[in-house]
Amino acid sequence: MAAGFALLSPTLTALLSRAAESAQGEAQGLNGSATALSRVVAPLLFTTRALAALRRAGTYGVAAVLCVLALAIGLARFRSPAAA
């Protein structure tokens, strides 16, 4: 997980920097806030008994839903302009 984050973080930062040309500071601030929030919420959600009622598949289901949600937001928000 650490290796994946180490490889993904610089890539996402570069993509954000290019996507938000005029608002790079705002984009980087939101990226930092989202990263910090995920570092607090994820361990609480996935290592406590909060999802015990859902059993094993529930934890993976919640993770899958979060990934699909992030993908949908990313695709809707950061679509490249259509070629004319």
PDB file of N, CA and C in Angstrom:
ATOM      1  N   MET A   1       0.824  -1.184   0.000  1.00  0.00           N
ATOM      2  CA  MET A   1       0.000   0.000   0.000  1.00  0.00           C
ATOM      3  C   MET A   1       0.875   1.257   0.000  1.00  0.00           C
ATOM      4  N   ALA A   2       1.928   1.211   0.770  1.00  0.00           N
ATOM      5  CA  ALA A   2       2.819   2.375   0.819  1.00  0.00           C
ATOM      6  C   ALA A   2       3.482   2.611  -0.531  1.00  0.00           C
ATOM      7  N   ALA A   3       3.881   1.540  -1.196  1.00  0.00           N
ATOM      8  CA  ALA A   3       4.526   1.683  -2.503  1.00  0.00           C
ATOM      9  C   ALA A   3       3.525   2.233  -3.528  1.00  0.00           C
ATOM     10  N   GLY A   4       2.294   1.749  -3.479  1.00  0.00           N
ATOM     11  CA  GLY A   4       1.263   2.242  -4.387  1.00  0.00           C
ATOM     12  C   GLY A   4       0.987   3.714  -4.171  1.00  0.00           C
ATOM     13  N   PHE A   5       0.898   4.131  -2.915  1.00  0.00           N
ATOM     14  CA  PHE A   5       0.669   5.539  -2.621  1.00  0.00           C
ATOM     15  C   PHE A   5       1.865   6.382  -3.038  1.00  0.00           C
ATOM     16  N   ALA A   6       3.059   5.854  -2.842  1.00  0.00           N
ATOM     17  CA  ALA A   6       4.266   6.598  -3.225  1.00  0.00           C
ATOM     18  C   ALA A   6       4.339   6.800  -4.735  1.00  0.00           C
ATOM     19  N   LEU A   7       3.850   5.836  -5.496  1.00  0.00           N
ATOM     20  CA  LEU A   7       3.852   5.972  -6.951  1.00  0.00           C
ATOM     21  C   LEU A   7       2.680   6.815  -7.449  1.00  0.00           C
ATOM     22  N   LEU A   8       1.556   6.740  -6.762  1.00  0.00           N
ATOM     23  CA  LEU A   8       0.348   7.425  -7.207  1.00  0.00           C
ATOM     24  C   LEU A   8       0.336   8.906  -6.834  1.00  0.00           C
ATOM     25  N   SER A   9       0.855   9.251  -5.685  1.00  0.00           N
ATOM     26  CA  SER A   9       0.780  10.625  -5.195  1.00  0.00           C
ATOM     27  C   SER A   9       1.432  11.648  -6.132  1.00  0.00           C
ATOM     28  N   PRO A  10       2.661  11.459  -6.586  1.00  0.00           N
ATOM     29  CA  PRO A  10       3.247  12.444  -7.500  1.00  0.00           C
ATOM     30  C   PRO A  10       2.501  12.531  -8.832  1.00  0.00           C
ATOM     31  N   THR A  11       1.989  11.387  -9.283  1.00  0.00           N
ATOM     32  CA  THR A  11       1.246  11.378 -10.540  1.00  0.00           C
ATOM     33  C   THR A  11      -0.035  12.192 -10.413  1.00  0.00           C
ATOM     34  N   LEU A  12      -0.773  11.981  -9.328  1.00  0.00           N
ATOM     35  CA  LEU A  12      -2.004  12.748  -9.114  1.00  0.00           C
ATOM     36  C   LEU A  12      -1.719  14.231  -8.937  1.00  0.00           C
ATOM     37  N   THR A  13      -0.648  14.555  -8.257  1.00  0.00           N
ATOM     38  CA  THR A  13      -0.290  15.955  -8.070  1.00  0.00           C
ATOM     39  C   THR A  13       0.014  16.617  -9.415  1.00  0.00           C
ATOM     40  N   ALA A  14       0.731  15.924 -10.270  1.00  0.00           N
ATOM     41  CA  ALA A  14       1.039  16.469 -11.596  1.00  0.00           C
ATOM     42  C   ALA A  14      -0.221  16.620 -12.441  1.00  0.00           C
ATOM     43  N   LEU A  15      -1.101  15.626 -12.395  1.00  0.00           N
ATOM     44  CA  LEU A  15      -2.352  15.711 -13.150  1.00  0.00           C
ATOM     45  C   LEU A  15      -3.219  16.861 -12.654  1.00  0.00           C
ATOM     46  N   LEU A  16      -3.293  17.042 -11.351  1.00  0.00           N
ATOM     47  CA  LEU A  16      -4.050  18.163 -10.791  1.00  0.00           C
ATOM     48  C   LEU A  16      -3.450  19.493 -11.210  1.00  0.00           C
ATOM     49  N   SER A  17      -2.150  19.567 -11.212  1.00  0.00           N
ATOM     50  CA  SER A  17      -1.482  20.806 -11.594  1.00  0.00           C
ATOM     51  C   SER A  17      -1.785  21.178 -13.039  1.00  0.00           C
ATOM     52  N   ARG A  18      -1.821  20.193 -13.903  1.00  0.00           N
ATOM     53  CA  ARG A  18      -2.119  20.460 -15.321  1.00  0.00           C
ATOM     54  C   ARG A  18      -3.596  20.746 -15.551  1.00  0.00           C
ATOM     55  N   ALA A  19      -4.463  20.059 -14.811  1.00  0.00           N
ATOM     56  CA  ALA A  19      -5.909  20.226 -15.020  1.00  0.00           C
ATOM     57  C   ALA A  19      -6.398  21.578 -14.518  1.00  0.00           C
ATOM     58  N   ALA A  20      -5.808  22.072 -13.448  1.00  0.00           N
ATOM     59  CA  ALA A  20      -6.251  23.332 -12.843  1.00  0.00           C
ATOM     60  C   ALA A  20      -5.226  24.413 -13.124  1.00  0.00           C
ATOM     61  N   GLU A  21      -5.137  24.820 -14.365  1.00  0.00           N
ATOM     62  CA  GLU A  21      -4.092  25.768 -14.768  1.00  0.00           C
ATOM     63  C   GLU A  21      -4.148  27.080 -14.005  1.00  0.00           C
ATOM     64  N   SER A  22      -5.342  27.650 -13.876  1.00  0.00           N
ATOM     65  CA  SER A  22      -5.440  28.964 -13.240  1.00  0.00           C
ATOM     66  C   SER A  22      -5.708  28.874 -11.735  1.00  0.00           C
ATOM     67  N   ALA A  23      -6.006  27.692 -11.230  1.00  0.00           N
ATOM     68  CA  ALA A  23      -6.323  27.542  -9.810  1.00  0.00           C
ATOM     69  C   ALA A  23      -5.512  26.410  -9.199  1.00  0.00           C
ATOM     70  N   GLN A  24      -4.209  26.425  -9.429  1.00  0.00           N
ATOM     71  CA  GLN A  24      -3.361  25.344  -8.944  1.00  0.00           C
ATOM     72  C   GLN A  24      -3.315  25.286  -7.422  1.00  0.00           C
ATOM     73  N   GLY A  25      -3.264  26.414  -6.788  1.00  0.00           N
ATOM     74  CA  GLY A  25      -3.227  26.440  -5.326  1.00  0.00           C
ATOM     75  C   GLY A  25      -4.484  25.847  -4.720  1.00  0.00           C
ATOM     76  N   GLU A  26      -5.619  26.201  -5.282  1.00  0.00           N
ATOM     77  CA  GLU A  26      -6.888  25.659  -4.791  1.00  0.00           C
ATOM     78  C   GLU A  26      -6.945  24.145  -4.995  1.00  0.00           C
ATOM     79  N   ALA A  27      -6.513  23.686  -6.158  1.00  0.00           N
ATOM     80  CA  ALA A  27      -6.532  22.254  -6.443  1.00  0.00           C
ATOM     81  C   ALA A  27      -5.598  21.489  -5.506  1.00  0.00           C
ATOM     82  N   GLN A  28      -4.413  22.032  -5.276  1.00  0.00           N
ATOM     83  CA  GLN A  28      -3.472  21.358  -4.381  1.00  0.00           C
ATOM     84  C   GLN A  28      -3.967  21.375  -2.935  1.00  0.00           C
ATOM     85  N   GLY A  29      -4.624  22.455  -2.544  1.00  0.00           N
ATOM     86  CA  GLY A  29      -5.199  22.520  -1.208  1.00  0.00           C
ATOM     87  C   GLY A  29      -6.301  21.494  -1.011  1.00  0.00           C
ATOM     88  N   LEU A  30      -7.158  21.354  -2.008  1.00  0.00           N
ATOM     89  CA  LEU A  30      -8.217  20.345  -1.940  1.00  0.00           C
ATOM     90  C   LEU A  30      -7.634  18.936  -1.942  1.00  0.00           C
ATOM     91  N   ASN A  31      -6.592  18.723  -2.721  1.00  0.00           N
ATOM     92  CA  ASN A  31      -5.918  17.424  -2.739  1.00  0.00           C
ATOM     93  C   ASN A  31      -5.342  17.102  -1.357  1.00  0.00           C
ATOM     94  N   GLY A  32      -4.691  18.057  -0.757  1.00  0.00           N
ATOM     95  CA  GLY A  32      -4.132  17.841   0.585  1.00  0.00           C
ATOM     96  C   GLY A  32      -5.209  17.582   1.621  1.00  0.00           C
ATOM     97  N   SER A  33      -6.312  18.310   1.523  1.00  0.00           N
ATOM     98  CA  SER A  33      -7.421  18.111   2.465  1.00  0.00           C
ATOM     99  C   SER A  33      -8.044  16.732   2.299  1.00  0.00           C
ATOM    100  N   ALA A  34      -8.258  16.317   1.060  1.00  0.00           N
ATOM    101  CA  ALA A  34      -8.845  15.001   0.806  1.00  0.00           C
ATOM    102  C   ALA A  34      -7.922  13.888   1.281  1.00  0.00           C
ATOM    103  N   THR A  35      -6.623  14.060   1.072  1.00  0.00           N
ATOM    104  CA  THR A  35      -5.658  13.058   1.521  1.00  0.00           C
ATOM    105  C   THR A  35      -5.658  12.949   3.043  1.00  0.00           C
ATOM    106  N   ALA A  36      -5.658  14.087   3.719  1.00  0.00           N
ATOM    107  CA  ALA A  36      -5.679  14.081   5.180  1.00  0.00           C
ATOM    108  C   ALA A  36      -6.966  13.466   5.717  1.00  0.00           C
ATOM    109  N   LEU A  37      -8.082  13.815   5.101  1.00  0.00           N
ATOM    110  CA  LEU A  37      -9.366  13.266   5.534  1.00  0.00           C
ATOM    111  C   LEU A  37      -9.389  11.748   5.353  1.00  0.00           C
ATOM    112  N   SER A  38      -8.858  11.272   4.241  1.00  0.00           N
ATOM    113  CA  SER A  38      -8.846   9.820   4.011  1.00  0.00           C
ATOM    114  C   SER A  38      -7.942   9.102   5.001  1.00  0.00           C
ATOM    115  N   ARG A  39      -6.883   9.765   5.435  1.00  0.00           N
ATOM    116  CA  ARG A  39      -5.985   9.149   6.417  1.00  0.00           C
ATOM    117  C   ARG A  39      -6.619   9.050   7.798  1.00  0.00           C
ATOM    118  N   VAL A  40      -7.632   9.854   8.048  1.00  0.00           N
ATOM    119  CA  VAL A  40      -8.342   9.782   9.321  1.00  0.00           C
ATOM    120  C   VAL A  40      -9.521   8.822   9.223  1.00  0.00           C
ATOM    121  N   VAL A  41     -10.306   8.931   8.161  1.00  0.00           N
ATOM    122  CA  VAL A  41     -11.546   8.182   8.048  1.00  0.00           C
ATOM    123  C   VAL A  41     -11.312   6.709   7.715  1.00  0.00           C
ATOM    124  N   ALA A  42     -10.397   6.416   6.799  1.00  0.00           N
ATOM    125  CA  ALA A  42     -10.199   5.028   6.354  1.00  0.00           C
ATOM    126  C   ALA A  42      -9.835   4.078   7.494  1.00  0.00           C
ATOM    127  N   PRO A  43      -8.865   4.389   8.331  1.00  0.00           N
ATOM    128  CA  PRO A  43      -8.574   3.454   9.425  1.00  0.00           C
ATOM    129  C   PRO A  43      -9.745   3.309  10.400  1.00  0.00           C
ATOM    130  N   LEU A  44     -10.442   4.377  10.658  1.00  0.00           N
ATOM    131  CA  LEU A  44     -11.590   4.276  11.559  1.00  0.00           C
ATOM    132  C   LEU A  44     -12.685   3.402  10.961  1.00  0.00           C
ATOM    133  N   LEU A  45     -12.897   3.541   9.680  1.00  0.00           N
ATOM    134  CA  LEU A  45     -13.959   2.801   9.020  1.00  0.00           C
ATOM    135  C   LEU A  45     -13.598   1.337   8.812  1.00  0.00           C
ATOM    136  N   PHE A  46     -12.378   1.062   8.408  1.00  0.00           N
ATOM    137  CA  PHE A  46     -12.026  -0.289   8.001  1.00  0.00           C
ATOM    138  C   PHE A  46     -11.316  -1.116   9.069  1.00  0.00           C
ATOM    139  N   THR A  47     -10.922  -0.545  10.189  1.00  0.00           N
ATOM    140  CA  THR A  47     -10.259  -1.340  11.224  1.00  0.00           C
ATOM    141  C   THR A  47     -11.075  -1.446  12.495  1.00  0.00           C
ATOM    142  N   THR A  48     -12.182  -0.775  12.571  1.00  0.00           N
ATOM    143  CA  THR A  48     -13.044  -0.899  13.744  1.00  0.00           C
ATOM    144  C   THR A  48     -14.173  -1.875  13.430  1.00  0.00           C
ATOM    145  N   ARG A  49     -15.054  -2.027  14.334  1.00  0.00           N
ATOM    146  CA  ARG A  49     -16.187  -2.920  14.152  1.00  0.00           C
ATOM    147  C   ARG A  49     -17.358  -2.228  13.456  1.00  0.00           C
ATOM    148  N   ALA A  50     -17.104  -1.077  12.842  1.00  0.00           N
ATOM    149  CA  ALA A  50     -18.179  -0.315  12.189  1.00  0.00           C
ATOM    150  C   ALA A  50     -18.831  -1.101  11.065  1.00  0.00           C
ATOM    151  N   LEU A  51     -18.071  -1.933  10.379  1.00  0.00           N
ATOM    152  CA  LEU A  51     -18.608  -2.718   9.271  1.00  0.00           C
ATOM    153  C   LEU A  51     -18.770  -4.196   9.621  1.00  0.00           C
ATOM    154  N   ALA A  52     -18.722  -4.534  10.909  1.00  0.00           N
ATOM    155  CA  ALA A  52     -18.796  -5.940  11.309  1.00  0.00           C
ATOM    156  C   ALA A  52     -20.121  -6.575  10.916  1.00  0.00           C
ATOM    157  N   ALA A  53     -21.186  -5.818  10.912  1.00  0.00           N
ATOM    158  CA  ALA A  53     -22.491  -6.366  10.561  1.00  0.00           C
ATOM    159  C   ALA A  53     -22.544  -6.782   9.088  1.00  0.00           C
ATOM    160  N   LEU A  54     -21.713  -6.193   8.268  1.00  0.00           N
ATOM    161  CA  LEU A  54     -21.714  -6.510   6.844  1.00  0.00           C
ATOM    162  C   LEU A  54     -20.817  -7.695   6.507  1.00  0.00           C
ATOM    163  N   ARG A  55     -20.100  -8.195   7.477  1.00  0.00           N
ATOM    164  CA  ARG A  55     -19.161  -9.296   7.302  1.00  0.00           C
ATOM    165  C   ARG A  55     -18.003  -8.904   6.379  1.00  0.00           C
ATOM    166  N   ARG A  56     -17.273  -9.881   5.906  1.00  0.00           N
ATOM    167  CA  ARG A  56     -16.099  -9.622   5.080  1.00  0.00           C
ATOM    168  C   ARG A  56     -16.435  -8.934   3.768  1.00  0.00           C
ATOM    169  N   ALA A  57     -17.433  -9.417   3.091  1.00  0.00           N
ATOM    170  CA  ALA A  57     -17.786  -8.852   1.788  1.00  0.00           C
ATOM    171  C   ALA A  57     -18.221  -7.397   1.927  1.00  0.00           C
ATOM    172  N   GLY A  58     -18.737  -7.019   3.076  1.00  0.00           N
ATOM    173  CA  GLY A  58     -19.176  -5.644   3.290  1.00  0.00           C
ATOM    174  C   GLY A  58     -18.033  -4.652   3.222  1.00  0.00           C
ATOM    175  N   THR A  59     -16.902  -4.994   3.795  1.00  0.00           N
ATOM    176  CA  THR A  59     -15.743  -4.109   3.756  1.00  0.00           C
ATOM    177  C   THR A  59     -15.284  -3.895   2.326  1.00  0.00           C
ATOM    178  N   TYR A  60     -15.198  -4.976   1.566  1.00  0.00           N
ATOM    179  CA  TYR A  60     -14.788  -4.855   0.170  1.00  0.00           C
ATOM    180  C   TYR A  60     -15.854  -4.149  -0.655  1.00  0.00           C
ATOM    181  N   GLY A  61     -17.107  -4.359  -0.300  1.00  0.00           N
ATOM    182  CA  GLY A  61     -18.198  -3.674  -0.991  1.00  0.00           C
ATOM    183  C   GLY A  61     -18.140  -2.172  -0.793  1.00  0.00           C
ATOM    184  N   VAL A  62     -17.897  -1.749   0.443  1.00  0.00           N
ATOM    185  CA  VAL A  62     -17.779  -0.320   0.730  1.00  0.00           C
ATOM    186  C   VAL A  62     -16.584   0.266  -0.015  1.00  0.00           C
ATOM    187  N   ALA A  63     -15.463  -0.444  -0.012  1.00  0.00           N
ATOM    188  CA  ALA A  63     -14.282   0.032  -0.737  1.00  0.00           C
ATOM    189  C   ALA A  63     -14.568   0.126  -2.227  1.00  0.00           C
ATOM    190  N   ALA A  64     -15.277  -0.860  -2.778  1.00  0.00           N
ATOM    191  CA  ALA A  64     -15.609  -0.842  -4.207  1.00  0.00           C
ATOM    192  C   ALA A  64     -16.535   0.320  -4.544  1.00  0.00           C
ATOM    193  N   VAL A  65     -17.518   0.573  -3.692  1.00  0.00           N
ATOM    194  CA  VAL A  65     -18.440   1.695  -3.922  1.00  0.00           C
ATOM    195  C   VAL A  65     -17.678   3.020  -3.883  1.00  0.00           C
ATOM    196  N   LEU A  66     -16.768   3.172  -2.938  1.00  0.00           N
ATOM    197  CA  LEU A  66     -15.975   4.393  -2.855  1.00  0.00           C
ATOM    198  C   LEU A  66     -15.093   4.571  -4.089  1.00  0.00           C
ATOM    199  N   CYS A  67     -14.512   3.485  -4.587  1.00  0.00           N
ATOM    200  CA  CYS A  67     -13.684   3.566  -5.791  1.00  0.00           C
ATOM    201  C   CYS A  67     -14.512   3.940  -7.013  1.00  0.00           C
ATOM    202  N   VAL A  68     -15.692   3.338  -7.156  1.00  0.00           N
ATOM    203  CA  VAL A  68     -16.555   3.661  -8.293  1.00  0.00           C
ATOM    204  C   VAL A  68     -17.025   5.106  -8.205  1.00  0.00           C
ATOM    205  N   LEU A  69     -17.341   5.567  -7.007  1.00  0.00           N
ATOM    206  CA  LEU A  69     -17.753   6.959  -6.807  1.00  0.00           C
ATOM    207  C   LEU A  69     -16.622   7.914  -7.193  1.00  0.00           C
ATOM    208  N   ALA A  70     -15.415   7.614  -6.761  1.00  0.00           N
ATOM    209  CA  ALA A  70     -14.265   8.458  -7.109  1.00  0.00           C
ATOM    210  C   ALA A  70     -14.018   8.453  -8.608  1.00  0.00           C
ATOM    211  N   LEU A  71     -14.162   7.296  -9.237  1.00  0.00           N
ATOM    212  CA  LEU A  71     -13.984   7.210 -10.685  1.00  0.00           C
ATOM    213  C   LEU A  71     -15.043   8.023 -11.429  1.00  0.00           C
ATOM    214  N   ALA A  72     -16.286   7.921 -10.982  1.00  0.00           N
ATOM    215  CA  ALA A  72     -17.371   8.671 -11.628  1.00  0.00           C
ATOM    216  C   ALA A  72     -17.165  10.171 -11.492  1.00  0.00           C
ATOM    217  N   ILE A  73     -16.766  10.610 -10.317  1.00  0.00           N
ATOM    218  CA  ILE A  73     -16.504  12.039 -10.106  1.00  0.00           C
ATOM    219  C   ILE A  73     -15.331  12.482 -10.971  1.00  0.00           C
ATOM    220  N   GLY A  74     -14.281  11.685 -11.003  1.00  0.00           N
ATOM    221  CA  GLY A  74     -13.119  12.026 -11.813  1.00  0.00           C
ATOM    222  C   GLY A  74     -13.444  12.111 -13.290  1.00  0.00           C
ATOM    223  N   LEU A  75     -14.214  11.151 -13.793  1.00  0.00           N
ATOM    224  CA  LEU A  75     -14.577  11.168 -15.209  1.00  0.00           C
ATOM    225  C   LEU A  75     -15.494  12.340 -15.541  1.00  0.00           C
ATOM    226  N   ALA A  76     -16.408  12.639 -14.649  1.00  0.00           N
ATOM    227  CA  ALA A  76     -17.332  13.757 -14.916  1.00  0.00           C
ATOM    228  C   ALA A  76     -16.633  15.097 -14.798  1.00  0.00           C
ATOM    229  N   ARG A  77     -15.717  15.215 -13.899  1.00  0.00           N
ATOM    230  CA  ARG A  77     -15.073  16.501 -13.613  1.00  0.00           C
ATOM    231  C   ARG A  77     -13.910  16.806 -14.539  1.00  0.00           C
ATOM    232  N   PHE A  78     -13.144  15.806 -14.883  1.00  0.00           N
ATOM    233  CA  PHE A  78     -11.890  16.039 -15.590  1.00  0.00           C
ATOM    234  C   PHE A  78     -11.881  15.448 -16.992  1.00  0.00           C
ATOM    235  N   ARG A  79     -12.978  15.538 -17.679  1.00  0.00           N
ATOM    236  CA  ARG A  79     -13.027  15.092 -19.081  1.00  0.00           C
ATOM    237  C   ARG A  79     -12.214  16.024 -19.941  1.00  0.00           C
ATOM    238  N   SER A  80     -11.461  15.448 -20.849  1.00  0.00           N
ATOM    239  CA  SER A  80     -10.709  16.297 -21.776  1.00  0.00           C
ATOM    240  C   SER A  80     -11.682  16.844 -22.815  1.00  0.00           C
ATOM    241  N   PRO A  81     -11.434  18.045 -23.290  1.00  0.00           N
ATOM    242  CA  PRO A  81     -12.334  18.625 -24.278  1.00  0.00           C
ATOM    243  C   PRO A  81     -12.384  17.793 -25.555  1.00  0.00           C
ATOM    244  N   ALA A  82     -13.547  17.728 -26.154  1.00  0.00           N
ATOM    245  CA  ALA A  82     -13.722  16.935 -27.369  1.00  0.00           C
ATOM    246  C   ALA A  82     -12.938  17.558 -28.521  1.00  0.00           C
ATOM    247  N   ALA A  83     -12.374  16.718 -29.339  1.00  0.00           N
ATOM    248  CA  ALA A  83     -11.606  17.204 -30.477  1.00  0.00           C
ATOM    249  C   ALA A  83     -12.562  17.817 -31.499  1.00  0.00           C
ATOM    250  N   ALA A  84     -12.241  18.979 -32.001  1.00  0.00           N
ATOM    251  CA  ALA A  84     -13.123  19.662 -32.945  1.00  0.00           C
ATOM    252  C   ALA A  84     -12.848  19.265 -34.371  1.00  0.00           C
TER     253      ALA A  84
END
